[in-house]
Amino acid sequence: ELGAGKTTFARGFLHALGYADKVCSPTYTLVESYQTRVGPVFHFD
């Protein structure tokens, strides 16, 4: 449900792969792409 921690989980996931910037849920754009040290990560909302 809303506020369950999905984006918080995704933030920890991306930071562990070396992405150091802010991670927000792409609610309005539907997807945000991040380049990490293991390749691209595509975060959908």
PDB file of all heavy atoms in Angstrom:
ATOM      1  N   GLU A   1       0.825  -1.201   0.000  1.00  0.00           N
ATOM      2  CA  GLU A   1       0.000   0.000   0.000  1.00  0.00           C
ATOM      3  C   GLU A   1       0.860   1.252   0.000  1.00  0.00           C
ATOM      4  O   GLU A   1       2.088   1.194   0.144  1.00  0.00           O
ATOM      5  CB  GLU A   1      -0.922  -0.015   1.221  1.00  0.00           C
ATOM      6  CG  GLU A   1      -0.182   0.015   2.542  1.00  0.00           C
ATOM      7  CD  GLU A   1      -1.113  -0.185   3.734  1.00  0.00           C
ATOM      8  OE1 GLU A   1      -1.910  -1.133   3.721  1.00  0.00           O
ATOM      9  OE2 GLU A   1      -1.025   0.629   4.674  1.00  0.00           O
ATOM     10  N   LEU A   2       0.218   2.409  -0.177  1.00  0.00           N
ATOM     11  CA  LEU A   2       0.939   3.681  -0.134  1.00  0.00           C
ATOM     12  C   LEU A   2       1.668   3.815   1.200  1.00  0.00           C
ATOM     13  O   LEU A   2       1.098   3.552   2.261  1.00  0.00           O
ATOM     14  CB  LEU A   2      -0.041   4.852  -0.301  1.00  0.00           C
ATOM     15  CG  LEU A   2      -0.549   5.132  -1.719  1.00  0.00           C
ATOM     16  CD1 LEU A   2      -1.687   6.147  -1.674  1.00  0.00           C
ATOM     17  CD2 LEU A   2       0.578   5.612  -2.613  1.00  0.00           C
ATOM     18  N   GLY A   3       2.934   4.192   1.134  1.00  0.00           N
ATOM     19  CA  GLY A   3       3.723   4.365   2.346  1.00  0.00           C
ATOM     20  C   GLY A   3       4.293   3.087   2.916  1.00  0.00           C
ATOM     21  O   GLY A   3       4.866   3.102   4.014  1.00  0.00           O
ATOM     22  N   ALA A   4       4.163   1.979   2.172  1.00  0.00           N
ATOM     23  CA  ALA A   4       4.658   0.696   2.694  1.00  0.00           C
ATOM     24  C   ALA A   4       6.175   0.599   2.664  1.00  0.00           C
ATOM     25  O   ALA A   4       6.754  -0.243   3.352  1.00  0.00           O
ATOM     26  CB  ALA A   4       4.045  -0.460   1.905  1.00  0.00           C
ATOM     27  N   GLY A   5       6.834   1.410   1.858  1.00  0.00           N
ATOM     28  CA  GLY A   5       8.292   1.383   1.825  1.00  0.00           C
ATOM     29  C   GLY A   5       8.884   0.913   0.513  1.00  0.00           C
ATOM     30  O   GLY A   5      10.072   0.586   0.447  1.00  0.00           O
ATOM     31  N   LYS A   6       8.089   0.904  -0.553  1.00  0.00           N
ATOM     32  CA  LYS A   6       8.586   0.420  -1.851  1.00  0.00           C
ATOM     33  C   LYS A   6       9.731   1.278  -2.369  1.00  0.00           C
ATOM     34  O   LYS A   6      10.759   0.763  -2.803  1.00  0.00           O
ATOM     35  CB  LYS A   6       7.432   0.400  -2.865  1.00  0.00           C
ATOM     36  CG  LYS A   6       6.291  -0.537  -2.490  1.00  0.00           C
ATOM     37  CD  LYS A   6       5.193  -0.566  -3.526  1.00  0.00           C
ATOM     38  CE  LYS A   6       4.460   0.738  -3.660  1.00  0.00           C
ATOM     39  NZ  LYS A   6       3.696   1.082  -2.428  1.00  0.00           N
ATOM     40  N   THR A   7       9.550   2.600  -2.316  1.00  0.00           N
ATOM     41  CA  THR A   7      10.603   3.497  -2.796  1.00  0.00           C
ATOM     42  C   THR A   7      11.804   3.477  -1.859  1.00  0.00           C
ATOM     43  O   THR A   7      12.948   3.593  -2.307  1.00  0.00           O
ATOM     44  CB  THR A   7      10.057   4.926  -2.950  1.00  0.00           C
ATOM     45  OG1 THR A   7       8.937   4.910  -3.851  1.00  0.00           O
ATOM     46  CG2 THR A   7      11.119   5.858  -3.515  1.00  0.00           C
ATOM     47  N   THR A   8      11.562   3.308  -0.575  1.00  0.00           N
ATOM     48  CA  THR A   8      12.674   3.185   0.385  1.00  0.00           C
ATOM     49  C   THR A   8      13.524   1.970   0.049  1.00  0.00           C
ATOM     50  O   THR A   8      14.759   2.034   0.065  1.00  0.00           O
ATOM     51  CB  THR A   8      12.125   3.065   1.819  1.00  0.00           C
ATOM     52  OG1 THR A   8      11.346   4.228   2.121  1.00  0.00           O
ATOM     53  CG2 THR A   8      13.253   2.944   2.828  1.00  0.00           C
ATOM     54  N   PHE A   9      12.872   0.855  -0.263  1.00  0.00           N
ATOM     55  CA  PHE A   9      13.580  -0.358  -0.681  1.00  0.00           C
ATOM     56  C   PHE A   9      14.379  -0.088  -1.952  1.00  0.00           C
ATOM     57  O   PHE A   9      15.559  -0.460  -2.056  1.00  0.00           O
ATOM     58  CB  PHE A   9      12.577  -1.479  -0.905  1.00  0.00           C
ATOM     59  CG  PHE A   9      13.172  -2.787  -1.341  1.00  0.00           C
ATOM     60  CD1 PHE A   9      13.520  -3.751  -0.399  1.00  0.00           C
ATOM     61  CD2 PHE A   9      13.398  -3.060  -2.680  1.00  0.00           C
ATOM     62  CE1 PHE A   9      14.085  -4.956  -0.794  1.00  0.00           C
ATOM     63  CE2 PHE A   9      13.952  -4.265  -3.090  1.00  0.00           C
ATOM     64  CZ  PHE A   9      14.291  -5.211  -2.148  1.00  0.00           C
ATOM     65  N   ALA A  10      13.752   0.570  -2.928  1.00  0.00           N
ATOM     66  CA  ALA A  10      14.432   0.873  -4.193  1.00  0.00           C
ATOM     67  C   ALA A  10      15.633   1.789  -3.959  1.00  0.00           C
ATOM     68  O   ALA A  10      16.673   1.650  -4.619  1.00  0.00           O
ATOM     69  CB  ALA A  10      13.455   1.523  -5.169  1.00  0.00           C
ATOM     70  N   ARG A  11      15.507   2.711  -3.021  1.00  0.00           N
ATOM     71  CA  ARG A  11      16.606   3.627  -2.707  1.00  0.00           C
ATOM     72  C   ARG A  11      17.811   2.849  -2.181  1.00  0.00           C
ATOM     73  O   ARG A  11      18.954   3.074  -2.610  1.00  0.00           O
ATOM     74  CB  ARG A  11      16.149   4.663  -1.682  1.00  0.00           C
ATOM     75  CG  ARG A  11      17.206   5.718  -1.344  1.00  0.00           C
ATOM     76  CD  ARG A  11      16.655   6.727  -0.337  1.00  0.00           C
ATOM     77  NE  ARG A  11      15.449   7.366  -0.863  1.00  0.00           N
ATOM     78  CZ  ARG A  11      14.245   7.258  -0.309  1.00  0.00           C
ATOM     79  NH1 ARG A  11      14.060   6.525   0.793  1.00  0.00           N
ATOM     80  NH2 ARG A  11      13.207   7.865  -0.833  1.00  0.00           N
ATOM     81  N   GLY A  12      17.568   1.928  -1.260  1.00  0.00           N
ATOM     82  CA  GLY A  12      18.661   1.115  -0.734  1.00  0.00           C
ATOM     83  C   GLY A  12      19.284   0.261  -1.820  1.00  0.00           C
ATOM     84  O   GLY A  12      20.504   0.058  -1.847  1.00  0.00           O
ATOM     85  N   PHE A  13      18.448  -0.249  -2.708  1.00  0.00           N
ATOM     86  CA  PHE A  13      18.905  -1.068  -3.838  1.00  0.00           C
ATOM     87  C   PHE A  13      19.857  -0.265  -4.718  1.00  0.00           C
ATOM     88  O   PHE A  13      20.975  -0.706  -5.033  1.00  0.00           O
ATOM     89  CB  PHE A  13      17.678  -1.521  -4.638  1.00  0.00           C
ATOM     90  CG  PHE A  13      17.960  -2.512  -5.719  1.00  0.00           C
ATOM     91  CD1 PHE A  13      17.734  -3.863  -5.515  1.00  0.00           C
ATOM     92  CD2 PHE A  13      18.430  -2.096  -6.963  1.00  0.00           C
ATOM     93  CE1 PHE A  13      17.974  -4.784  -6.524  1.00  0.00           C
ATOM     94  CE2 PHE A  13      18.676  -3.005  -7.979  1.00  0.00           C
ATOM     95  CZ  PHE A  13      18.449  -4.361  -7.759  1.00  0.00           C
ATOM     96  N   LEU A  14      19.446   0.934  -5.111  1.00  0.00           N
ATOM     97  CA  LEU A  14      20.252   1.753  -6.018  1.00  0.00           C
ATOM     98  C   LEU A  14      21.522   2.267  -5.353  1.00  0.00           C
ATOM     99  O   LEU A  14      22.595   2.287  -5.968  1.00  0.00           O
ATOM    100  CB  LEU A  14      19.415   2.920  -6.541  1.00  0.00           C
ATOM    101  CG  LEU A  14      18.404   2.529  -7.623  1.00  0.00           C
ATOM    102  CD1 LEU A  14      17.273   3.541  -7.714  1.00  0.00           C
ATOM    103  CD2 LEU A  14      19.108   2.394  -8.968  1.00  0.00           C
ATOM    104  N   HIS A  15      21.427   2.678  -4.106  1.00  0.00           N
ATOM    105  CA  HIS A  15      22.618   3.151  -3.406  1.00  0.00           C
ATOM    106  C   HIS A  15      23.651   2.041  -3.261  1.00  0.00           C
ATOM    107  O   HIS A  15      24.863   2.293  -3.344  1.00  0.00           O
ATOM    108  CB  HIS A  15      22.239   3.715  -2.039  1.00  0.00           C
ATOM    109  CG  HIS A  15      21.566   5.054  -2.111  1.00  0.00           C
ATOM    110  ND1 HIS A  15      20.949   5.651  -1.027  1.00  0.00           N
ATOM    111  CD2 HIS A  15      21.409   5.926  -3.150  1.00  0.00           C
ATOM    112  CE1 HIS A  15      20.448   6.822  -1.388  1.00  0.00           C
ATOM    113  NE2 HIS A  15      20.707   7.006  -2.673  1.00  0.00           N
ATOM    114  N   ALA A  16      23.191   0.810  -3.076  1.00  0.00           N
ATOM    115  CA  ALA A  16      24.122  -0.316  -2.948  1.00  0.00           C
ATOM    116  C   ALA A  16      24.877  -0.559  -4.250  1.00  0.00           C
ATOM    117  O   ALA A  16      25.986  -1.108  -4.237  1.00  0.00           O
ATOM    118  CB  ALA A  16      23.374  -1.580  -2.540  1.00  0.00           C
ATOM    119  N   LEU A  17      24.287  -0.156  -5.368  1.00  0.00           N
ATOM    120  CA  LEU A  17      24.938  -0.329  -6.669  1.00  0.00           C
ATOM    121  C   LEU A  17      25.752   0.897  -7.069  1.00  0.00           C
ATOM    122  O   LEU A  17      26.196   1.007  -8.210  1.00  0.00           O
ATOM    123  CB  LEU A  17      23.887  -0.647  -7.742  1.00  0.00           C
ATOM    124  CG  LEU A  17      23.123  -1.954  -7.532  1.00  0.00           C
ATOM    125  CD1 LEU A  17      22.143  -2.189  -8.667  1.00  0.00           C
ATOM    126  CD2 LEU A  17      24.098  -3.137  -7.422  1.00  0.00           C
ATOM    127  N   GLY A  18      25.918   1.826  -6.128  1.00  0.00           N
ATOM    128  CA  GLY A  18      26.809   2.952  -6.357  1.00  0.00           C
ATOM    129  C   GLY A  18      26.169   4.249  -6.770  1.00  0.00           C
ATOM    130  O   GLY A  18      26.859   5.246  -6.965  1.00  0.00           O
ATOM    131  N   TYR A  19      24.845   4.273  -6.913  1.00  0.00           N
ATOM    132  CA  TYR A  19      24.193   5.533  -7.262  1.00  0.00           C
ATOM    133  C   TYR A  19      24.030   6.356  -5.991  1.00  0.00           C
ATOM    134  O   TYR A  19      23.313   5.951  -5.069  1.00  0.00           O
ATOM    135  CB  TYR A  19      22.836   5.298  -7.929  1.00  0.00           C
ATOM    136  CG  TYR A  19      22.233   6.599  -8.419  1.00  0.00           C
ATOM    137  CD1 TYR A  19      22.675   7.173  -9.606  1.00  0.00           C
ATOM    138  CD2 TYR A  19      21.278   7.263  -7.668  1.00  0.00           C
ATOM    139  CE1 TYR A  19      22.163   8.387 -10.036  1.00  0.00           C
ATOM    140  CE2 TYR A  19      20.763   8.481  -8.095  1.00  0.00           C
ATOM    141  CZ  TYR A  19      21.206   9.033  -9.276  1.00  0.00           C
ATOM    142  OH  TYR A  19      20.711  10.237  -9.702  1.00  0.00           O
ATOM    143  N   ALA A  20      24.702   7.520  -5.933  1.00  0.00           N
ATOM    144  CA  ALA A  20      24.778   8.271  -4.682  1.00  0.00           C
ATOM    145  C   ALA A  20      23.791   9.420  -4.585  1.00  0.00           C
ATOM    146  O   ALA A  20      23.632  10.022  -3.526  1.00  0.00           O
ATOM    147  CB  ALA A  20      26.202   8.813  -4.500  1.00  0.00           C
ATOM    148  N   ASP A  21      23.104   9.749  -5.666  1.00  0.00           N
ATOM    149  CA  ASP A  21      22.206  10.897  -5.669  1.00  0.00           C
ATOM    150  C   ASP A  21      20.850  10.523  -5.059  1.00  0.00           C
ATOM    151  O   ASP A  21      20.606   9.375  -4.696  1.00  0.00           O
ATOM    152  CB  ASP A  21      22.030  11.396  -7.102  1.00  0.00           C
ATOM    153  CG  ASP A  21      21.727  12.891  -7.159  1.00  0.00           C
ATOM    154  OD1 ASP A  21      21.387  13.458  -6.118  1.00  0.00           O
ATOM    155  OD2 ASP A  21      21.841  13.476  -8.262  1.00  0.00           O
ATOM    156  N   LYS A  22      19.961  11.503  -5.015  1.00  0.00           N
ATOM    157  CA  LYS A  22      18.633  11.305  -4.452  1.00  0.00           C
ATOM    158  C   LYS A  22      17.813  10.360  -5.320  1.00  0.00           C
ATOM    159  O   LYS A  22      17.865  10.425  -6.546  1.00  0.00           O
ATOM    160  CB  LYS A  22      17.918  12.650  -4.336  1.00  0.00           C
ATOM    161  CG  LYS A  22      16.574  12.594  -3.627  1.00  0.00           C
ATOM    162  CD  LYS A  22      15.983  13.995  -3.490  1.00  0.00           C
ATOM    163  CE  LYS A  22      14.652  13.965  -2.759  1.00  0.00           C
ATOM    164  NZ  LYS A  22      14.062  15.331  -2.616  1.00  0.00           N
ATOM    165  N   VAL A  23      17.057   9.472  -4.684  1.00  0.00           N
ATOM    166  CA  VAL A  23      16.189   8.540  -5.398  1.00  0.00           C
ATOM    167  C   VAL A  23      14.747   8.830  -5.000  1.00  0.00           C
ATOM    168  O   VAL A  23      14.391   8.740  -3.825  1.00  0.00           O
ATOM    169  CB  VAL A  23      16.532   7.072  -5.079  1.00  0.00           C
ATOM    170  CG1 VAL A  23      15.525   6.132  -5.742  1.00  0.00           C
ATOM    171  CG2 VAL A  23      17.949   6.748  -5.530  1.00  0.00           C
ATOM    172  N   CYS A  24      13.934   9.209  -5.975  1.00  0.00           N
ATOM    173  CA  CYS A  24      12.518   9.478  -5.740  1.00  0.00           C
ATOM    174  C   CYS A  24      11.676   8.548  -6.595  1.00  0.00           C
ATOM    175  O   CYS A  24      12.136   8.027  -7.613  1.00  0.00           O
ATOM    176  CB  CYS A  24      12.179  10.931  -6.086  1.00  0.00           C
ATOM    177  SG  CYS A  24      13.049  12.161  -5.089  1.00  0.00           S
ATOM    178  N   SER A  25      10.450   8.358  -6.201  1.00  0.00           N
ATOM    179  CA  SER A  25       9.561   7.513  -6.986  1.00  0.00           C
ATOM    180  C   SER A  25       9.108   8.276  -8.239  1.00  0.00           C
ATOM    181  O   SER A  25       8.650   9.412  -8.137  1.00  0.00           O
ATOM    182  CB  SER A  25       8.345   7.120  -6.153  1.00  0.00           C
ATOM    183  OG  SER A  25       7.528   6.232  -6.860  1.00  0.00           O
ATOM    184  N   PRO A  26       9.242   7.673  -9.424  1.00  0.00           N
ATOM    185  CA  PRO A  26       8.860   8.359 -10.672  1.00  0.00           C
ATOM    186  C   PRO A  26       7.354   8.317 -10.920  1.00  0.00           C
ATOM    187  O   PRO A  26       6.880   7.811 -11.935  1.00  0.00           O
ATOM    188  CB  PRO A  26       9.642   7.571 -11.724  1.00  0.00           C
ATOM    189  CG  PRO A  26       9.708   6.190 -11.178  1.00  0.00           C
ATOM    190  CD  PRO A  26       9.842   6.358  -9.681  1.00  0.00           C
ATOM    191  N   THR A  27       6.595   8.862  -9.982  1.00  0.00           N
ATOM    192  CA  THR A  27       5.134   8.758 -10.034  1.00  0.00           C
ATOM    193  C   THR A  27       4.549   9.391 -11.287  1.00  0.00           C
ATOM    194  O   THR A  27       3.600   8.858 -11.869  1.00  0.00           O
ATOM    195  CB  THR A  27       4.521   9.423  -8.787  1.00  0.00           C
ATOM    196  OG1 THR A  27       5.092   8.833  -7.620  1.00  0.00           O
ATOM    197  CG2 THR A  27       3.016   9.232  -8.757  1.00  0.00           C
ATOM    198  N   TYR A  28       5.098  10.511 -11.716  1.00  0.00           N
ATOM    199  CA  TYR A  28       4.520  11.231 -12.841  1.00  0.00           C
ATOM    200  C   TYR A  28       5.174  10.866 -14.175  1.00  0.00           C
ATOM    201  O   TYR A  28       4.535  10.942 -15.219  1.00  0.00           O
ATOM    202  CB  TYR A  28       4.614  12.736 -12.597  1.00  0.00           C
ATOM    203  CG  TYR A  28       3.743  13.178 -11.441  1.00  0.00           C
ATOM    204  CD1 TYR A  28       4.277  13.350 -10.169  1.00  0.00           C
ATOM    205  CD2 TYR A  28       2.373  13.383 -11.619  1.00  0.00           C
ATOM    206  CE1 TYR A  28       3.480  13.735  -9.102  1.00  0.00           C
ATOM    207  CE2 TYR A  28       1.567  13.764 -10.553  1.00  0.00           C
ATOM    208  CZ  TYR A  28       2.126  13.939  -9.304  1.00  0.00           C
ATOM    209  OH  TYR A  28       1.329  14.303  -8.245  1.00  0.00           O
ATOM    210  N   THR A  29       6.439  10.472 -14.150  1.00  0.00           N
ATOM    211  CA  THR A  29       7.129  10.107 -15.389  1.00  0.00           C
ATOM    212  C   THR A  29       7.018   8.619 -15.696  1.00  0.00           C
ATOM    213  O   THR A  29       7.396   8.170 -16.766  1.00  0.00           O
ATOM    214  CB  THR A  29       8.620  10.486 -15.304  1.00  0.00           C
ATOM    215  OG1 THR A  29       9.221   9.795 -14.197  1.00  0.00           O
ATOM    216  CG2 THR A  29       8.786  11.990 -15.105  1.00  0.00           C
ATOM    217  N   LEU A  30       6.526   7.826 -14.731  1.00  0.00           N
ATOM    218  CA  LEU A  30       6.360   6.373 -14.820  1.00  0.00           C
ATOM    219  C   LEU A  30       7.666   5.603 -14.720  1.00  0.00           C
ATOM    220  O   LEU A  30       7.693   4.501 -14.182  1.00  0.00           O
ATOM    221  CB  LEU A  30       5.632   5.960 -16.110  1.00  0.00           C
ATOM    222  CG  LEU A  30       4.190   6.428 -16.250  1.00  0.00           C
ATOM    223  CD1 LEU A  30       3.573   5.849 -17.536  1.00  0.00           C
ATOM    224  CD2 LEU A  30       3.348   6.011 -15.064  1.00  0.00           C
ATOM    225  N   VAL A  31       8.768   6.137 -15.227  1.00  0.00           N
ATOM    226  CA  VAL A  31      10.035   5.407 -15.159  1.00  0.00           C
ATOM    227  C   VAL A  31      11.195   6.378 -15.037  1.00  0.00           C
ATOM    228  O   VAL A  31      11.173   7.480 -15.595  1.00  0.00           O
ATOM    229  CB  VAL A  31      10.233   4.504 -16.407  1.00  0.00           C
ATOM    230  CG1 VAL A  31      10.300   5.330 -17.681  1.00  0.00           C
ATOM    231  CG2 VAL A  31      11.478   3.633 -16.255  1.00  0.00           C
ATOM    232  N   GLU A  32      12.180   6.000 -14.254  1.00  0.00           N
ATOM    233  CA  GLU A  32      13.444   6.723 -14.148  1.00  0.00           C
ATOM    234  C   GLU A  32      14.569   5.723 -14.380  1.00  0.00           C
ATOM    235  O   GLU A  32      14.525   4.596 -13.881  1.00  0.00           O
ATOM    236  CB  GLU A  32      13.581   7.364 -12.766  1.00  0.00           C
ATOM    237  CG  GLU A  32      14.757   8.308 -12.635  1.00  0.00           C
ATOM    238  CD  GLU A  32      14.639   9.538 -13.522  1.00  0.00           C
ATOM    239  OE1 GLU A  32      13.801  10.406 -13.225  1.00  0.00           O
ATOM    240  OE2 GLU A  32      15.383   9.604 -14.519  1.00  0.00           O
ATOM    241  N   SER A  33      15.543   6.135 -15.173  1.00  0.00           N
ATOM    242  CA  SER A  33      16.660   5.250 -15.501  1.00  0.00           C
ATOM    243  C   SER A  33      17.913   5.695 -14.766  1.00  0.00           C
ATOM    244  O   SER A  33      18.213   6.895 -14.708  1.00  0.00           O
ATOM    245  CB  SER A  33      16.918   5.260 -17.014  1.00  0.00           C
ATOM    246  OG  SER A  33      15.766   4.869 -17.722  1.00  0.00           O
ATOM    247  N   TYR A  34      18.644   4.742 -14.213  1.00  0.00           N
ATOM    248  CA  TYR A  34      19.879   5.021 -13.482  1.00  0.00           C
ATOM    249  C   TYR A  34      21.004   4.169 -14.048  1.00  0.00           C
ATOM    250  O   TYR A  34      20.817   2.970 -14.287  1.00  0.00           O
ATOM    251  CB  TYR A  34      19.712   4.695 -11.990  1.00  0.00           C
ATOM    252  CG  TYR A  34      18.632   5.483 -11.301  1.00  0.00           C
ATOM    253  CD1 TYR A  34      17.320   5.007 -11.270  1.00  0.00           C
ATOM    254  CD2 TYR A  34      18.915   6.694 -10.678  1.00  0.00           C
ATOM    255  CE1 TYR A  34      16.314   5.731 -10.632  1.00  0.00           C
ATOM    256  CE2 TYR A  34      17.912   7.423 -10.039  1.00  0.00           C
ATOM    257  CZ  TYR A  34      16.617   6.938 -10.029  1.00  0.00           C
ATOM    258  OH  TYR A  34      15.626   7.646  -9.405  1.00  0.00           O
ATOM    259  N   GLN A  35      22.163   4.771 -14.235  1.00  0.00           N
ATOM    260  CA  GLN A  35      23.329   4.005 -14.653  1.00  0.00           C
ATOM    261  C   GLN A  35      24.129   3.644 -13.408  1.00  0.00           C
ATOM    262  O   GLN A  35      24.537   4.524 -12.645  1.00  0.00           O
ATOM    263  CB  GLN A  35      24.197   4.808 -15.624  1.00  0.00           C
ATOM    264  CG  GLN A  35      25.325   4.012 -16.230  1.00  0.00           C
ATOM    265  CD  GLN A  35      24.825   2.800 -17.021  1.00  0.00           C
ATOM    266  OE1 GLN A  35      23.856   2.911 -17.762  1.00  0.00           O
ATOM    267  NE2 GLN A  35      25.455   1.670 -16.848  1.00  0.00           N
ATOM    268  N   THR A  36      24.317   2.357 -13.171  1.00  0.00           N
ATOM    269  CA  THR A  36      25.044   1.894 -11.994  1.00  0.00           C
ATOM    270  C   THR A  36      26.255   1.084 -12.433  1.00  0.00           C
ATOM    271  O   THR A  36      26.458   0.849 -13.620  1.00  0.00           O
ATOM    272  CB  THR A  36      24.148   1.003 -11.107  1.00  0.00           C
ATOM    273  OG1 THR A  36      24.001  -0.284 -11.729  1.00  0.00           O
ATOM    274  CG2 THR A  36      22.770   1.625 -10.917  1.00  0.00           C
ATOM    275  N   ARG A  37      27.030   0.635 -11.484  1.00  0.00           N
ATOM    276  CA  ARG A  37      28.239  -0.088 -11.836  1.00  0.00           C
ATOM    277  C   ARG A  37      27.976  -1.492 -12.381  1.00  0.00           C
ATOM    278  O   ARG A  37      28.889  -2.133 -12.892  1.00  0.00           O
ATOM    279  CB  ARG A  37      29.196  -0.172 -10.645  1.00  0.00           C
ATOM    280  CG  ARG A  37      28.634  -0.788  -9.390  1.00  0.00           C
ATOM    281  CD  ARG A  37      29.750  -0.960  -8.348  1.00  0.00           C
ATOM    282  NE  ARG A  37      29.206  -1.222  -7.034  1.00  0.00           N
ATOM    283  CZ  ARG A  37      29.207  -0.330  -6.036  1.00  0.00           C
ATOM    284  NH1 ARG A  37      29.702   0.871  -6.223  1.00  0.00           N
ATOM    285  NH2 ARG A  37      28.702  -0.645  -4.863  1.00  0.00           N
ATOM    286  N   VAL A  38      26.723  -1.961 -12.311  1.00  0.00           N
ATOM    287  CA  VAL A  38      26.384  -3.250 -12.906  1.00  0.00           C
ATOM    288  C   VAL A  38      25.519  -3.069 -14.157  1.00  0.00           C
ATOM    289  O   VAL A  38      24.960  -4.031 -14.666  1.00  0.00           O
ATOM    290  CB  VAL A  38      25.662  -4.168 -11.895  1.00  0.00           C
ATOM    291  CG1 VAL A  38      26.559  -4.465 -10.708  1.00  0.00           C
ATOM    292  CG2 VAL A  38      24.333  -3.569 -11.457  1.00  0.00           C
ATOM    293  N   GLY A  39      25.401  -1.820 -14.615  1.00  0.00           N
ATOM    294  CA  GLY A  39      24.586  -1.540 -15.784  1.00  0.00           C
ATOM    295  C   GLY A  39      23.347  -0.744 -15.406  1.00  0.00           C
ATOM    296  O   GLY A  39      23.179  -0.319 -14.258  1.00  0.00           O
ATOM    297  N   PRO A  40      22.444  -0.538 -16.344  1.00  0.00           N
ATOM    298  CA  PRO A  40      21.257   0.287 -16.073  1.00  0.00           C
ATOM    299  C   PRO A  40      20.266  -0.383 -15.136  1.00  0.00           C
ATOM    300  O   PRO A  40      20.106  -1.603 -15.140  1.00  0.00           O
ATOM    301  CB  PRO A  40      20.650   0.494 -17.463  1.00  0.00           C
ATOM    302  CG  PRO A  40      21.127  -0.682 -18.257  1.00  0.00           C
ATOM    303  CD  PRO A  40      22.490  -1.001 -17.743  1.00  0.00           C
ATOM    304  N   VAL A  41      19.611   0.454 -14.330  1.00  0.00           N
ATOM    305  CA  VAL A  41      18.490   0.024 -13.499  1.00  0.00           C
ATOM    306  C   VAL A  41      17.313   0.915 -13.874  1.00  0.00           C
ATOM    307  O   VAL A  41      17.428   2.145 -13.853  1.00  0.00           O
ATOM    308  CB  VAL A  41      18.788   0.145 -11.992  1.00  0.00           C
ATOM    309  CG1 VAL A  41      17.535  -0.186 -11.172  1.00  0.00           C
ATOM    310  CG2 VAL A  41      19.938  -0.774 -11.598  1.00  0.00           C
ATOM    311  N   PHE A  42      16.184   0.311 -14.219  1.00  0.00           N
ATOM    312  CA  PHE A  42      14.997   1.042 -14.611  1.00  0.00           C
ATOM    313  C   PHE A  42      13.959   0.941 -13.494  1.00  0.00           C
ATOM    314  O   PHE A  42      13.491  -0.146 -13.167  1.00  0.00           O
ATOM    315  CB  PHE A  42      14.429   0.481 -15.920  1.00  0.00           C
ATOM    316  CG  PHE A  42      15.442   0.416 -17.026  1.00  0.00           C
ATOM    317  CD1 PHE A  42      15.776  -0.803 -17.606  1.00  0.00           C
ATOM    318  CD2 PHE A  42      16.075   1.566 -17.463  1.00  0.00           C
ATOM    319  CE1 PHE A  42      16.718  -0.872 -18.618  1.00  0.00           C
ATOM    320  CE2 PHE A  42      17.026   1.510 -18.479  1.00  0.00           C
ATOM    321  CZ  PHE A  42      17.341   0.299 -19.061  1.00  0.00           C
ATOM    322  N   HIS A  43      13.636   2.089 -12.906  1.00  0.00           N
ATOM    323  CA  HIS A  43      12.740   2.149 -11.755  1.00  0.00           C
ATOM    324  C   HIS A  43      11.381   2.675 -12.217  1.00  0.00           C
ATOM    325  O   HIS A  43      11.256   3.839 -12.612  1.00  0.00           O
ATOM    326  CB  HIS A  43      13.348   3.061 -10.686  1.00  0.00           C
ATOM    327  CG  HIS A  43      12.523   3.201  -9.454  1.00  0.00           C
ATOM    328  ND1 HIS A  43      12.688   4.247  -8.558  1.00  0.00           N
ATOM    329  CD2 HIS A  43      11.515   2.437  -8.948  1.00  0.00           C
ATOM    330  CE1 HIS A  43      11.824   4.112  -7.570  1.00  0.00           C
ATOM    331  NE2 HIS A  43      11.102   3.028  -7.781  1.00  0.00           N
ATOM    332  N   PHE A  44      10.375   1.821 -12.179  1.00  0.00           N
ATOM    333  CA  PHE A  44       9.027   2.183 -12.601  1.00  0.00           C
ATOM    334  C   PHE A  44       8.131   2.439 -11.394  1.00  0.00           C
ATOM    335  O   PHE A  44       8.268   1.791 -10.364  1.00  0.00           O
ATOM    336  CB  PHE A  44       8.379   1.039 -13.404  1.00  0.00           C
ATOM    337  CG  PHE A  44       9.002   0.765 -14.740  1.00  0.00           C
ATOM    338  CD1 PHE A  44      10.167   0.017 -14.839  1.00  0.00           C
ATOM    339  CD2 PHE A  44       8.409   1.238 -15.899  1.00  0.00           C
ATOM    340  CE1 PHE A  44      10.731  -0.247 -16.075  1.00  0.00           C
ATOM    341  CE2 PHE A  44       8.965   0.976 -17.135  1.00  0.00           C
ATOM    342  CZ  PHE A  44      10.128   0.227 -17.228  1.00  0.00           C
ATOM    343  N   ASP A  45       7.192   3.370 -11.550  1.00  0.00           N
ATOM    344  CA  ASP A  45       6.108   3.553 -10.589  1.00  0.00           C
ATOM    345  C   ASP A  45       4.826   3.694 -11.404  1.00  0.00           C
ATOM    346  O   ASP A  45       4.605   4.700 -12.076  1.00  0.00           O
ATOM    347  CB  ASP A  45       6.325   4.807  -9.737  1.00  0.00           C
ATOM    348  CG  ASP A  45       5.265   4.961  -8.647  1.00  0.00           C
ATOM    349  OD1 ASP A  45       4.160   4.414  -8.813  1.00  0.00           O
ATOM    350  OD2 ASP A  45       5.534   5.638  -7.642  1.00  0.00           O
TER     351      ASP A  45
END
